[in-house]
Amino acid sequence: MTEQVQVHDPYQEAGQQHEADMMGMYLFLATELMLFGGLCIVIVIYRFLHPEEVVAASARLHLWIGAINTVVLLTSSLAVAAAVHLARRARAGPAATWLLAAVGLGLAFLGLKAQEYHAEYREGQLPILSDPPQFAGPVEQLFMNLYLFATALHAIHLTIGIALVSGLSWLLLKRRIALPQQAVRVEVCGLYWHLVDIVWVFLYPILYLAR
């Protein structure tokens, strides 16, 4: 594949050029990992400081909705990985199809999450929105605040990923991305999507399984 990639100055090898192209994305992903990593650490520390209250609050979360969404996101990452594999082999149509499958799964995740938020709102467990709130105490309320902030921030990142992957699919279908020369564009979007997936893989156990 690399011999088909056009090398531009100042690079002399396709591999060297590819590494340079990916460096900026790696730096961006590192900042995102620090953001979500810090948030996860706060939640874990809070769990150890107030074990009984956090367990009680976590037990009110909809465990099976979170579990289904975890499977949905893992499957979407598999679809994106397949798209990257096909893009490297200059198969634009199939790559776009797999990306659209990932978009569909991402939308399914957001739909399930919206239903979960609605259920929590009706149960008085959603901070800010629920009126009147049904929290047993300030510790449980703060845990639910952390839950809402973490999952909403994740949903925003997933929405951005859906927009990026949808646009990339359209460009592939219109043959406006030269493959495999510009397969790095698919790889970069794929890395972002995998980041969103990895973040949820950590959020699910520390939020839903803290019981």
N, C-alpha and C. Protein backbone atom coordinates (compact mmCIF):
# COMPACT_ATOMS: atom_id res chain seq x y z
N MET A 1 0.81 -1.20 0.00
CA MET A 1 0.00 0.00 0.00
C MET A 1 0.85 1.26 0.00
N THR A 2 1.96 1.26 0.77
CA THR A 2 2.73 2.48 0.94
C THR A 2 3.36 2.95 -0.35
N GLU A 3 3.68 2.01 -1.27
CA GLU A 3 4.33 2.44 -2.50
C GLU A 3 3.37 3.23 -3.39
N GLN A 4 2.06 3.15 -3.15
CA GLN A 4 1.11 3.88 -3.95
C GLN A 4 0.86 5.29 -3.41
N VAL A 5 1.38 5.59 -2.23
CA VAL A 5 1.17 6.89 -1.61
C VAL A 5 2.18 7.89 -2.14
N GLN A 6 1.69 9.03 -2.59
CA GLN A 6 2.57 10.07 -3.10
C GLN A 6 3.27 10.76 -1.93
N VAL A 7 4.60 10.80 -1.98
CA VAL A 7 5.39 11.40 -0.91
C VAL A 7 5.71 12.84 -1.26
N HIS A 8 5.45 13.75 -0.32
CA HIS A 8 5.69 15.17 -0.53
C HIS A 8 6.90 15.62 0.28
N ASP A 9 7.54 16.70 -0.18
CA ASP A 9 8.64 17.30 0.58
C ASP A 9 8.12 17.78 1.93
N PRO A 10 8.93 17.69 2.99
CA PRO A 10 10.34 17.29 3.03
C PRO A 10 10.55 15.81 3.30
N TYR A 11 9.53 14.99 3.13
CA TYR A 11 9.62 13.57 3.46
C TYR A 11 10.18 12.79 2.27
N GLN A 12 10.91 11.72 2.62
CA GLN A 12 11.53 10.89 1.60
C GLN A 12 10.90 9.51 1.54
N GLU A 13 10.16 9.14 2.60
CA GLU A 13 9.53 7.82 2.65
C GLU A 13 8.06 7.97 3.03
N ALA A 14 7.25 7.07 2.50
CA ALA A 14 5.82 7.11 2.80
C ALA A 14 5.55 6.87 4.28
N GLY A 15 6.33 5.96 4.89
CA GLY A 15 6.14 5.69 6.31
C GLY A 15 6.43 6.90 7.17
N GLN A 16 7.49 7.63 6.82
CA GLN A 16 7.85 8.83 7.57
C GLN A 16 6.75 9.89 7.43
N GLN A 17 6.22 10.04 6.23
CA GLN A 17 5.17 11.02 6.00
C GLN A 17 3.90 10.65 6.78
N HIS A 18 3.59 9.36 6.80
CA HIS A 18 2.41 8.90 7.52
C HIS A 18 2.52 9.19 9.01
N GLU A 19 3.70 8.94 9.58
CA GLU A 19 3.90 9.20 11.00
C GLU A 19 3.72 10.68 11.32
N ALA A 20 4.22 11.54 10.45
CA ALA A 20 4.06 12.98 10.66
C ALA A 20 2.59 13.39 10.57
N ASP A 21 1.87 12.78 9.63
CA ASP A 21 0.44 13.09 9.49
C ASP A 21 -0.33 12.71 10.75
N MET A 22 0.08 11.61 11.38
CA MET A 22 -0.66 11.11 12.54
C MET A 22 -0.27 11.81 13.84
N MET A 23 0.88 12.48 13.86
CA MET A 23 1.39 13.04 15.10
C MET A 23 0.42 14.05 15.70
N GLY A 24 -0.12 14.94 14.87
CA GLY A 24 -1.06 15.94 15.38
C GLY A 24 -2.29 15.29 16.00
N MET A 25 -2.78 14.21 15.37
CA MET A 25 -3.95 13.53 15.91
C MET A 25 -3.62 12.88 17.24
N TYR A 26 -2.44 12.31 17.35
CA TYR A 26 -2.06 11.68 18.61
C TYR A 26 -2.00 12.71 19.74
N LEU A 27 -1.50 13.90 19.45
CA LEU A 27 -1.44 14.95 20.46
C LEU A 27 -2.83 15.37 20.89
N PHE A 28 -3.74 15.48 19.92
CA PHE A 28 -5.11 15.84 20.24
C PHE A 28 -5.76 14.77 21.10
N LEU A 29 -5.56 13.51 20.74
CA LEU A 29 -6.14 12.41 21.51
C LEU A 29 -5.58 12.39 22.93
N ALA A 30 -4.31 12.76 23.08
CA ALA A 30 -3.71 12.80 24.42
C ALA A 30 -4.41 13.82 25.30
N THR A 31 -4.75 14.99 24.74
CA THR A 31 -5.46 16.00 25.53
C THR A 31 -6.86 15.50 25.92
N GLU A 32 -7.52 14.80 25.01
CA GLU A 32 -8.84 14.26 25.32
C GLU A 32 -8.75 13.18 26.40
N LEU A 33 -7.71 12.37 26.34
CA LEU A 33 -7.54 11.34 27.35
C LEU A 33 -7.27 11.96 28.72
N MET A 34 -6.54 13.07 28.76
CA MET A 34 -6.30 13.75 30.03
C MET A 34 -7.61 14.29 30.60
N LEU A 35 -8.47 14.83 29.72
CA LEU A 35 -9.75 15.36 30.17
C LEU A 35 -10.61 14.26 30.78
N PHE A 36 -10.84 13.20 30.03
CA PHE A 36 -11.69 12.13 30.54
C PHE A 36 -10.99 11.32 31.63
N GLY A 37 -9.67 11.20 31.52
CA GLY A 37 -8.94 10.48 32.56
C GLY A 37 -9.05 11.17 33.90
N GLY A 38 -8.93 12.51 33.90
CA GLY A 38 -9.08 13.25 35.15
C GLY A 38 -10.48 13.09 35.72
N LEU A 39 -11.48 13.10 34.86
CA LEU A 39 -12.86 12.93 35.30
C LEU A 39 -13.08 11.54 35.90
N CYS A 40 -12.51 10.53 35.26
CA CYS A 40 -12.64 9.16 35.78
C CYS A 40 -11.97 9.02 37.14
N ILE A 41 -10.82 9.65 37.30
CA ILE A 41 -10.11 9.59 38.58
C ILE A 41 -10.94 10.23 39.69
N VAL A 42 -11.58 11.35 39.39
CA VAL A 42 -12.44 12.02 40.38
C VAL A 42 -13.57 11.09 40.80
N ILE A 43 -14.20 10.42 39.84
CA ILE A 43 -15.31 9.53 40.16
C ILE A 43 -14.84 8.35 41.02
N VAL A 44 -13.69 7.78 40.67
CA VAL A 44 -13.17 6.64 41.43
C VAL A 44 -12.83 7.06 42.86
N ILE A 45 -12.18 8.21 43.03
CA ILE A 45 -11.85 8.69 44.37
C ILE A 45 -13.11 8.93 45.19
N TYR A 46 -14.11 9.52 44.54
CA TYR A 46 -15.38 9.77 45.21
C TYR A 46 -16.03 8.47 45.66
N ARG A 47 -15.88 7.44 44.84
CA ARG A 47 -16.42 6.11 45.18
C ARG A 47 -15.76 5.57 46.45
N PHE A 48 -14.46 5.76 46.59
CA PHE A 48 -13.76 5.25 47.78
C PHE A 48 -14.01 6.11 49.01
N LEU A 49 -14.27 7.39 48.83
CA LEU A 49 -14.54 8.27 49.96
C LEU A 49 -15.95 8.06 50.52
N HIS A 50 -16.89 7.75 49.64
CA HIS A 50 -18.29 7.57 50.07
C HIS A 50 -18.85 6.29 49.46
N PRO A 51 -18.34 5.14 49.88
CA PRO A 51 -18.72 3.88 49.23
C PRO A 51 -20.21 3.56 49.32
N GLU A 52 -20.81 3.71 50.49
CA GLU A 52 -22.21 3.31 50.65
C GLU A 52 -23.15 4.18 49.83
N GLU A 53 -22.94 5.50 49.89
CA GLU A 53 -23.82 6.41 49.16
C GLU A 53 -23.67 6.25 47.64
N VAL A 54 -22.43 6.08 47.19
CA VAL A 54 -22.19 5.94 45.75
C VAL A 54 -22.78 4.63 45.24
N VAL A 55 -22.64 3.57 46.00
CA VAL A 55 -23.23 2.28 45.62
C VAL A 55 -24.75 2.41 45.51
N ALA A 56 -25.35 3.12 46.47
CA ALA A 56 -26.81 3.30 46.43
C ALA A 56 -27.23 4.11 45.21
N ALA A 57 -26.46 5.14 44.88
CA ALA A 57 -26.79 5.96 43.70
C ALA A 57 -26.57 5.18 42.41
N SER A 58 -25.48 4.42 42.34
CA SER A 58 -25.18 3.65 41.14
C SER A 58 -26.23 2.57 40.90
N ALA A 59 -26.78 2.03 41.98
CA ALA A 59 -27.79 0.97 41.84
C ALA A 59 -29.06 1.49 41.18
N ARG A 60 -29.26 2.79 41.17
CA ARG A 60 -30.45 3.36 40.53
C ARG A 60 -30.26 3.59 39.04
N LEU A 61 -29.03 3.47 38.57
CA LEU A 61 -28.79 3.63 37.14
C LEU A 61 -29.32 2.41 36.38
N HIS A 62 -29.63 2.61 35.11
CA HIS A 62 -30.20 1.54 34.30
C HIS A 62 -29.07 0.69 33.71
N LEU A 63 -28.71 -0.34 34.46
CA LEU A 63 -27.54 -1.16 34.15
C LEU A 63 -27.61 -1.75 32.75
N TRP A 64 -28.77 -2.28 32.37
CA TRP A 64 -28.86 -3.00 31.09
C TRP A 64 -28.85 -2.06 29.89
N ILE A 65 -29.36 -0.84 30.08
CA ILE A 65 -29.25 0.12 28.98
C ILE A 65 -27.79 0.46 28.74
N GLY A 66 -27.05 0.66 29.82
CA GLY A 66 -25.61 0.92 29.69
C GLY A 66 -24.88 -0.24 29.07
N ALA A 67 -25.27 -1.47 29.43
CA ALA A 67 -24.61 -2.66 28.88
C ALA A 67 -24.88 -2.78 27.39
N ILE A 68 -26.13 -2.56 26.99
CA ILE A 68 -26.46 -2.64 25.56
C ILE A 68 -25.70 -1.57 24.79
N ASN A 69 -25.62 -0.37 25.35
CA ASN A 69 -24.88 0.70 24.68
C ASN A 69 -23.40 0.38 24.57
N THR A 70 -22.87 -0.34 25.54
CA THR A 70 -21.47 -0.75 25.46
C THR A 70 -21.24 -1.68 24.28
N VAL A 71 -22.14 -2.64 24.11
CA VAL A 71 -22.06 -3.56 22.97
C VAL A 71 -22.20 -2.80 21.66
N VAL A 72 -23.12 -1.84 21.63
CA VAL A 72 -23.34 -1.04 20.42
C VAL A 72 -22.07 -0.29 20.03
N LEU A 73 -21.42 0.33 20.99
CA LEU A 73 -20.21 1.11 20.66
C LEU A 73 -19.06 0.21 20.26
N LEU A 74 -18.90 -0.91 20.94
CA LEU A 74 -17.83 -1.84 20.56
C LEU A 74 -18.03 -2.35 19.13
N THR A 75 -19.27 -2.63 18.78
CA THR A 75 -19.56 -3.06 17.41
C THR A 75 -19.28 -1.96 16.41
N SER A 76 -19.58 -0.72 16.78
CA SER A 76 -19.31 0.40 15.87
C SER A 76 -17.81 0.57 15.64
N SER A 77 -17.01 0.32 16.67
CA SER A 77 -15.56 0.39 16.50
C SER A 77 -15.06 -0.67 15.54
N LEU A 78 -15.69 -1.85 15.59
CA LEU A 78 -15.33 -2.91 14.65
C LEU A 78 -15.64 -2.46 13.23
N ALA A 79 -16.77 -1.80 13.03
CA ALA A 79 -17.15 -1.30 11.71
C ALA A 79 -16.15 -0.26 11.21
N VAL A 80 -15.73 0.63 12.10
CA VAL A 80 -14.75 1.65 11.70
C VAL A 80 -13.41 1.01 11.36
N ALA A 81 -13.00 0.02 12.14
CA ALA A 81 -11.74 -0.68 11.84
C ALA A 81 -11.80 -1.35 10.47
N ALA A 82 -12.96 -1.92 10.13
CA ALA A 82 -13.13 -2.52 8.81
C ALA A 82 -13.03 -1.48 7.71
N ALA A 83 -13.60 -0.29 7.97
CA ALA A 83 -13.54 0.80 6.99
C ALA A 83 -12.10 1.25 6.75
N VAL A 84 -11.33 1.36 7.81
CA VAL A 84 -9.92 1.75 7.67
C VAL A 84 -9.16 0.70 6.86
N HIS A 85 -9.41 -0.55 7.16
CA HIS A 85 -8.76 -1.65 6.43
C HIS A 85 -9.07 -1.57 4.94
N LEU A 86 -10.33 -1.31 4.61
CA LEU A 86 -10.74 -1.24 3.20
C LEU A 86 -10.19 0.02 2.52
N ALA A 87 -10.14 1.12 3.25
CA ALA A 87 -9.62 2.37 2.68
C ALA A 87 -8.15 2.21 2.30
N ARG A 88 -7.40 1.50 3.10
CA ARG A 88 -5.99 1.28 2.79
C ARG A 88 -5.82 0.44 1.53
N ARG A 89 -6.86 -0.26 1.15
CA ARG A 89 -6.83 -1.09 -0.06
C ARG A 89 -7.63 -0.48 -1.20
N ALA A 90 -7.89 0.80 -1.07
CA ALA A 90 -8.52 1.60 -2.13
C ALA A 90 -9.93 1.12 -2.48
N ARG A 91 -10.65 0.60 -1.51
CA ARG A 91 -12.03 0.16 -1.73
C ARG A 91 -12.96 1.17 -1.09
N ALA A 92 -13.21 2.26 -1.80
CA ALA A 92 -13.95 3.40 -1.26
C ALA A 92 -15.40 3.05 -0.91
N GLY A 93 -16.09 2.36 -1.83
CA GLY A 93 -17.49 2.04 -1.60
C GLY A 93 -17.73 1.21 -0.36
N PRO A 94 -17.06 0.05 -0.23
CA PRO A 94 -17.23 -0.75 0.99
C PRO A 94 -16.79 -0.01 2.25
N ALA A 95 -15.73 0.80 2.14
CA ALA A 95 -15.29 1.56 3.30
C ALA A 95 -16.38 2.53 3.76
N ALA A 96 -17.00 3.21 2.81
CA ALA A 96 -18.08 4.14 3.13
C ALA A 96 -19.26 3.40 3.76
N THR A 97 -19.54 2.21 3.28
CA THR A 97 -20.65 1.42 3.83
C THR A 97 -20.43 1.08 5.29
N TRP A 98 -19.20 0.67 5.62
CA TRP A 98 -18.89 0.35 7.00
C TRP A 98 -18.92 1.59 7.88
N LEU A 99 -18.49 2.72 7.34
CA LEU A 99 -18.56 3.96 8.11
C LEU A 99 -20.01 4.35 8.39
N LEU A 100 -20.87 4.16 7.40
CA LEU A 100 -22.29 4.46 7.60
C LEU A 100 -22.91 3.51 8.63
N ALA A 101 -22.43 2.29 8.66
CA ALA A 101 -22.90 1.35 9.69
C ALA A 101 -22.51 1.85 11.07
N ALA A 102 -21.29 2.38 11.19
CA ALA A 102 -20.85 2.94 12.47
C ALA A 102 -21.71 4.15 12.86
N VAL A 103 -22.05 4.96 11.87
CA VAL A 103 -22.93 6.12 12.13
C VAL A 103 -24.27 5.64 12.66
N GLY A 104 -24.84 4.62 12.03
CA GLY A 104 -26.11 4.09 12.49
C GLY A 104 -26.04 3.58 13.93
N LEU A 105 -24.96 2.89 14.26
CA LEU A 105 -24.78 2.39 15.62
C LEU A 105 -24.59 3.54 16.60
N GLY A 106 -23.86 4.58 16.17
CA GLY A 106 -23.68 5.75 17.02
C GLY A 106 -25.01 6.43 17.31
N LEU A 107 -25.86 6.53 16.30
CA LEU A 107 -27.19 7.12 16.50
C LEU A 107 -28.04 6.24 17.42
N ALA A 108 -27.89 4.93 17.30
CA ALA A 108 -28.61 4.03 18.19
C ALA A 108 -28.17 4.24 19.64
N PHE A 109 -26.87 4.43 19.84
CA PHE A 109 -26.35 4.71 21.18
C PHE A 109 -26.99 5.97 21.75
N LEU A 110 -27.01 7.03 20.95
CA LEU A 110 -27.58 8.29 21.43
C LEU A 110 -29.08 8.16 21.70
N GLY A 111 -29.77 7.38 20.87
CA GLY A 111 -31.20 7.16 21.10
C GLY A 111 -31.47 6.45 22.41
N LEU A 112 -30.68 5.41 22.68
CA LEU A 112 -30.83 4.69 23.95
C LEU A 112 -30.47 5.58 25.13
N LYS A 113 -29.44 6.40 24.95
CA LYS A 113 -29.03 7.29 26.04
C LYS A 113 -30.11 8.33 26.32
N ALA A 114 -30.76 8.82 25.27
CA ALA A 114 -31.85 9.78 25.45
C ALA A 114 -33.00 9.14 26.21
N GLN A 115 -33.32 7.88 25.90
CA GLN A 115 -34.37 7.17 26.62
C GLN A 115 -33.99 7.00 28.09
N GLU A 116 -32.71 6.72 28.33
CA GLU A 116 -32.25 6.56 29.71
C GLU A 116 -32.36 7.87 30.48
N TYR A 117 -31.95 8.96 29.87
CA TYR A 117 -32.10 10.27 30.51
C TYR A 117 -33.57 10.56 30.83
N HIS A 118 -34.45 10.23 29.90
CA HIS A 118 -35.87 10.47 30.11
C HIS A 118 -36.39 9.66 31.30
N ALA A 119 -35.96 8.40 31.39
CA ALA A 119 -36.38 7.56 32.52
C ALA A 119 -35.86 8.13 33.83
N GLU A 120 -34.61 8.59 33.83
CA GLU A 120 -34.04 9.16 35.05
C GLU A 120 -34.74 10.47 35.42
N TYR A 121 -35.15 11.22 34.42
CA TYR A 121 -35.89 12.45 34.67
C TYR A 121 -37.22 12.13 35.36
N ARG A 122 -37.93 11.14 34.87
CA ARG A 122 -39.21 10.77 35.47
C ARG A 122 -39.03 10.21 36.88
N GLU A 123 -37.89 9.57 37.13
CA GLU A 123 -37.62 8.99 38.44
C GLU A 123 -37.06 10.00 39.43
N GLY A 124 -36.83 11.23 38.96
CA GLY A 124 -36.28 12.25 39.84
C GLY A 124 -34.79 12.09 40.10
N GLN A 125 -34.09 11.38 39.21
CA GLN A 125 -32.67 11.10 39.41
C GLN A 125 -31.75 11.92 38.49
N LEU A 126 -32.31 12.79 37.67
CA LEU A 126 -31.49 13.54 36.74
C LEU A 126 -31.25 14.93 37.30
N PRO A 127 -30.01 15.26 37.64
CA PRO A 127 -29.72 16.57 38.22
C PRO A 127 -30.15 17.71 37.31
N ILE A 128 -30.48 18.82 37.91
CA ILE A 128 -30.86 20.06 37.23
C ILE A 128 -32.26 19.96 36.64
N LEU A 129 -32.56 18.87 35.92
CA LEU A 129 -33.82 18.77 35.19
C LEU A 129 -34.96 18.20 36.02
N SER A 130 -34.68 17.21 36.86
CA SER A 130 -35.73 16.56 37.63
C SER A 130 -36.33 17.52 38.66
N ASP A 131 -37.65 17.59 38.69
CA ASP A 131 -38.33 18.48 39.63
C ASP A 131 -39.62 17.81 40.11
N PRO A 132 -39.66 17.38 41.39
CA PRO A 132 -38.61 17.57 42.40
C PRO A 132 -37.57 16.45 42.32
N PRO A 133 -36.34 16.72 42.72
CA PRO A 133 -35.32 15.66 42.72
C PRO A 133 -35.59 14.66 43.84
N GLN A 134 -35.15 13.43 43.59
CA GLN A 134 -35.39 12.35 44.55
C GLN A 134 -34.09 11.77 45.09
N PHE A 135 -33.15 12.64 45.45
CA PHE A 135 -31.86 12.17 45.96
C PHE A 135 -31.94 11.96 47.47
N ALA A 136 -31.26 10.90 47.94
CA ALA A 136 -31.27 10.60 49.36
C ALA A 136 -30.41 11.57 50.16
N GLY A 137 -29.46 12.22 49.52
CA GLY A 137 -28.58 13.13 50.22
C GLY A 137 -27.64 13.82 49.25
N PRO A 138 -26.81 14.74 49.75
CA PRO A 138 -25.90 15.49 48.87
C PRO A 138 -24.85 14.62 48.19
N VAL A 139 -24.43 13.53 48.84
CA VAL A 139 -23.42 12.65 48.24
C VAL A 139 -23.99 11.98 46.99
N GLU A 140 -25.19 11.46 47.09
CA GLU A 140 -25.80 10.83 45.92
C GLU A 140 -26.07 11.85 44.82
N GLN A 141 -26.46 13.05 45.22
CA GLN A 141 -26.72 14.09 44.23
C GLN A 141 -25.44 14.45 43.48
N LEU A 142 -24.32 14.57 44.21
CA LEU A 142 -23.06 14.89 43.55
C LEU A 142 -22.63 13.76 42.61
N PHE A 143 -22.85 12.52 43.02
CA PHE A 143 -22.51 11.40 42.13
C PHE A 143 -23.31 11.49 40.84
N MET A 144 -24.59 11.80 40.96
CA MET A 144 -25.42 11.91 39.76
C MET A 144 -25.03 13.13 38.93
N ASN A 145 -24.53 14.18 39.58
CA ASN A 145 -24.00 15.32 38.82
C ASN A 145 -22.78 14.89 37.99
N LEU A 146 -21.89 14.11 38.62
CA LEU A 146 -20.73 13.59 37.90
C LEU A 146 -21.16 12.67 36.77
N TYR A 147 -22.15 11.85 37.04
CA TYR A 147 -22.68 10.94 36.01
C TYR A 147 -23.22 11.73 34.82
N LEU A 148 -24.02 12.74 35.10
CA LEU A 148 -24.62 13.52 34.01
C LEU A 148 -23.55 14.25 33.21
N PHE A 149 -22.60 14.86 33.90
CA PHE A 149 -21.54 15.60 33.20
C PHE A 149 -20.71 14.67 32.34
N ALA A 150 -20.30 13.51 32.90
CA ALA A 150 -19.43 12.59 32.17
C ALA A 150 -20.14 12.01 30.95
N THR A 151 -21.37 11.56 31.13
CA THR A 151 -22.08 10.91 30.02
C THR A 151 -22.52 11.93 28.96
N ALA A 152 -22.88 13.14 29.41
CA ALA A 152 -23.26 14.18 28.43
C ALA A 152 -22.05 14.62 27.62
N LEU A 153 -20.90 14.76 28.29
CA LEU A 153 -19.68 15.12 27.57
C LEU A 153 -19.30 14.04 26.57
N HIS A 154 -19.45 12.80 26.97
CA HIS A 154 -19.18 11.70 26.05
C HIS A 154 -20.14 11.73 24.87
N ALA A 155 -21.42 12.02 25.13
CA ALA A 155 -22.41 12.08 24.06
C ALA A 155 -22.09 13.20 23.07
N ILE A 156 -21.58 14.32 23.57
CA ILE A 156 -21.18 15.42 22.69
C ILE A 156 -20.04 14.98 21.78
N HIS A 157 -19.06 14.29 22.35
CA HIS A 157 -17.94 13.80 21.54
C HIS A 157 -18.42 12.78 20.51
N LEU A 158 -19.36 11.93 20.90
CA LEU A 158 -19.89 10.96 19.95
C LEU A 158 -20.64 11.66 18.82
N THR A 159 -21.39 12.70 19.15
CA THR A 159 -22.11 13.46 18.12
C THR A 159 -21.13 14.07 17.12
N ILE A 160 -20.02 14.61 17.63
CA ILE A 160 -18.99 15.14 16.73
C ILE A 160 -18.44 14.03 15.84
N GLY A 161 -18.21 12.86 16.43
CA GLY A 161 -17.70 11.73 15.66
C GLY A 161 -18.68 11.30 14.58
N ILE A 162 -19.96 11.30 14.89
CA ILE A 162 -20.98 10.94 13.89
C ILE A 162 -20.95 11.92 12.73
N ALA A 163 -20.83 13.21 13.04
CA ALA A 163 -20.78 14.23 11.99
C ALA A 163 -19.54 14.04 11.11
N LEU A 164 -18.39 13.78 11.74
CA LEU A 164 -17.15 13.60 10.98
C LEU A 164 -17.23 12.36 10.09
N VAL A 165 -17.68 11.26 10.65
CA VAL A 165 -17.73 10.01 9.88
C VAL A 165 -18.78 10.09 8.77
N SER A 166 -19.89 10.78 9.03
CA SER A 166 -20.91 10.95 7.99
C SER A 166 -20.35 11.74 6.81
N GLY A 167 -19.63 12.84 7.12
CA GLY A 167 -19.02 13.63 6.05
C GLY A 167 -17.97 12.84 5.29
N LEU A 168 -17.20 12.05 6.01
CA LEU A 168 -16.18 11.23 5.37
C LEU A 168 -16.81 10.18 4.46
N SER A 169 -17.91 9.59 4.90
CA SER A 169 -18.62 8.60 4.07
C SER A 169 -19.09 9.23 2.77
N TRP A 170 -19.64 10.43 2.86
CA TRP A 170 -20.14 11.13 1.67
C TRP A 170 -18.99 11.41 0.69
N LEU A 171 -17.85 11.84 1.23
CA LEU A 171 -16.69 12.12 0.37
C LEU A 171 -16.19 10.85 -0.31
N LEU A 172 -16.22 9.73 0.41
CA LEU A 172 -15.78 8.47 -0.18
C LEU A 172 -16.74 8.02 -1.27
N LEU A 173 -18.03 8.15 -1.01
CA LEU A 173 -19.00 7.73 -2.01
C LEU A 173 -18.92 8.60 -3.28
N LYS A 174 -18.57 9.87 -3.10
CA LYS A 174 -18.44 10.78 -4.24
C LYS A 174 -17.06 10.71 -4.88
N ARG A 175 -16.21 9.81 -4.36
CA ARG A 175 -14.85 9.63 -4.87
C ARG A 175 -14.04 10.93 -4.79
N ARG A 176 -14.27 11.70 -3.73
CA ARG A 176 -13.51 12.94 -3.54
C ARG A 176 -12.30 12.75 -2.64
N ILE A 177 -12.10 11.52 -2.21
CA ILE A 177 -10.90 11.17 -1.46
C ILE A 177 -10.16 10.12 -2.26
N ALA A 178 -8.94 10.42 -2.62
CA ALA A 178 -8.14 9.49 -3.41
C ALA A 178 -7.58 8.40 -2.51
N LEU A 179 -7.91 7.17 -2.84
CA LEU A 179 -7.43 6.04 -2.05
C LEU A 179 -6.48 5.19 -2.89
N PRO A 180 -5.42 4.66 -2.30
CA PRO A 180 -5.10 4.71 -0.87
C PRO A 180 -4.27 5.92 -0.46
N GLN A 181 -4.01 6.85 -1.39
CA GLN A 181 -3.14 7.98 -1.10
C GLN A 181 -3.61 8.79 0.12
N GLN A 182 -4.92 8.95 0.26
CA GLN A 182 -5.46 9.76 1.35
C GLN A 182 -6.18 8.90 2.39
N ALA A 183 -5.79 7.66 2.50
CA ALA A 183 -6.40 6.78 3.50
C ALA A 183 -6.16 7.27 4.92
N VAL A 184 -5.14 8.11 5.10
CA VAL A 184 -4.85 8.64 6.43
C VAL A 184 -6.03 9.43 6.97
N ARG A 185 -6.84 10.01 6.11
CA ARG A 185 -8.01 10.76 6.56
C ARG A 185 -9.02 9.82 7.23
N VAL A 186 -9.16 8.64 6.69
CA VAL A 186 -10.04 7.64 7.30
C VAL A 186 -9.43 7.15 8.61
N GLU A 187 -8.13 6.97 8.63
CA GLU A 187 -7.45 6.51 9.83
C GLU A 187 -7.61 7.50 10.98
N VAL A 188 -7.47 8.80 10.67
CA VAL A 188 -7.58 9.83 11.70
C VAL A 188 -8.99 9.84 12.30
N CYS A 189 -10.00 9.80 11.45
CA CYS A 189 -11.38 9.75 11.95
C CYS A 189 -11.61 8.47 12.75
N GLY A 190 -11.01 7.40 12.29
CA GLY A 190 -11.14 6.13 13.01
C GLY A 190 -10.55 6.20 14.41
N LEU A 191 -9.41 6.86 14.54
CA LEU A 191 -8.79 7.01 15.86
C LEU A 191 -9.69 7.80 16.79
N TYR A 192 -10.30 8.85 16.27
CA TYR A 192 -11.22 9.64 17.11
C TYR A 192 -12.39 8.78 17.57
N TRP A 193 -12.94 8.01 16.65
CA TRP A 193 -14.07 7.14 17.01
C TRP A 193 -13.69 6.12 18.06
N HIS A 194 -12.51 5.54 17.91
CA HIS A 194 -12.05 4.56 18.90
C HIS A 194 -11.84 5.22 20.26
N LEU A 195 -11.40 6.47 20.28
CA LEU A 195 -11.23 7.19 21.54
C LEU A 195 -12.57 7.29 22.27
N VAL A 196 -13.61 7.69 21.53
CA VAL A 196 -14.94 7.80 22.13
C VAL A 196 -15.38 6.46 22.69
N ASP A 197 -15.08 5.39 21.97
CA ASP A 197 -15.42 4.04 22.41
C ASP A 197 -14.67 3.70 23.70
N ILE A 198 -13.38 3.96 23.73
CA ILE A 198 -12.55 3.63 24.89
C ILE A 198 -13.02 4.39 26.12
N VAL A 199 -13.39 5.65 25.94
CA VAL A 199 -13.87 6.46 27.06
C VAL A 199 -15.10 5.80 27.69
N TRP A 200 -16.03 5.35 26.84
CA TRP A 200 -17.23 4.70 27.38
C TRP A 200 -16.90 3.39 28.08
N VAL A 201 -15.92 2.66 27.57
CA VAL A 201 -15.52 1.40 28.19
C VAL A 201 -15.05 1.63 29.63
N PHE A 202 -14.49 2.82 29.90
CA PHE A 202 -14.08 3.15 31.27
C PHE A 202 -15.25 3.74 32.07
N LEU A 203 -16.07 4.56 31.42
CA LEU A 203 -17.18 5.18 32.14
C LEU A 203 -18.20 4.15 32.61
N TYR A 204 -18.46 3.16 31.79
CA TYR A 204 -19.50 2.19 32.15
C TYR A 204 -19.21 1.48 33.47
N PRO A 205 -18.04 0.90 33.68
CA PRO A 205 -17.82 0.21 34.96
C PRO A 205 -17.77 1.14 36.17
N ILE A 206 -17.14 2.32 36.03
CA ILE A 206 -17.01 3.17 37.22
C ILE A 206 -18.31 3.87 37.59
N LEU A 207 -19.24 3.96 36.66
CA LEU A 207 -20.53 4.57 36.95
C LEU A 207 -21.60 3.51 37.23
N TYR A 208 -21.76 2.56 36.32
CA TYR A 208 -22.86 1.61 36.40
C TYR A 208 -22.55 0.41 37.31
N LEU A 209 -21.29 0.03 37.38
CA LEU A 209 -20.94 -1.19 38.14
C LEU A 209 -20.41 -0.89 39.53
N ALA A 210 -20.51 0.36 39.97
CA ALA A 210 -20.06 0.73 41.32
C ALA A 210 -21.15 0.36 42.32
N ARG A 211 -21.48 -0.91 42.36
CA ARG A 211 -22.60 -1.36 43.23
C ARG A 211 -22.25 -2.68 43.89
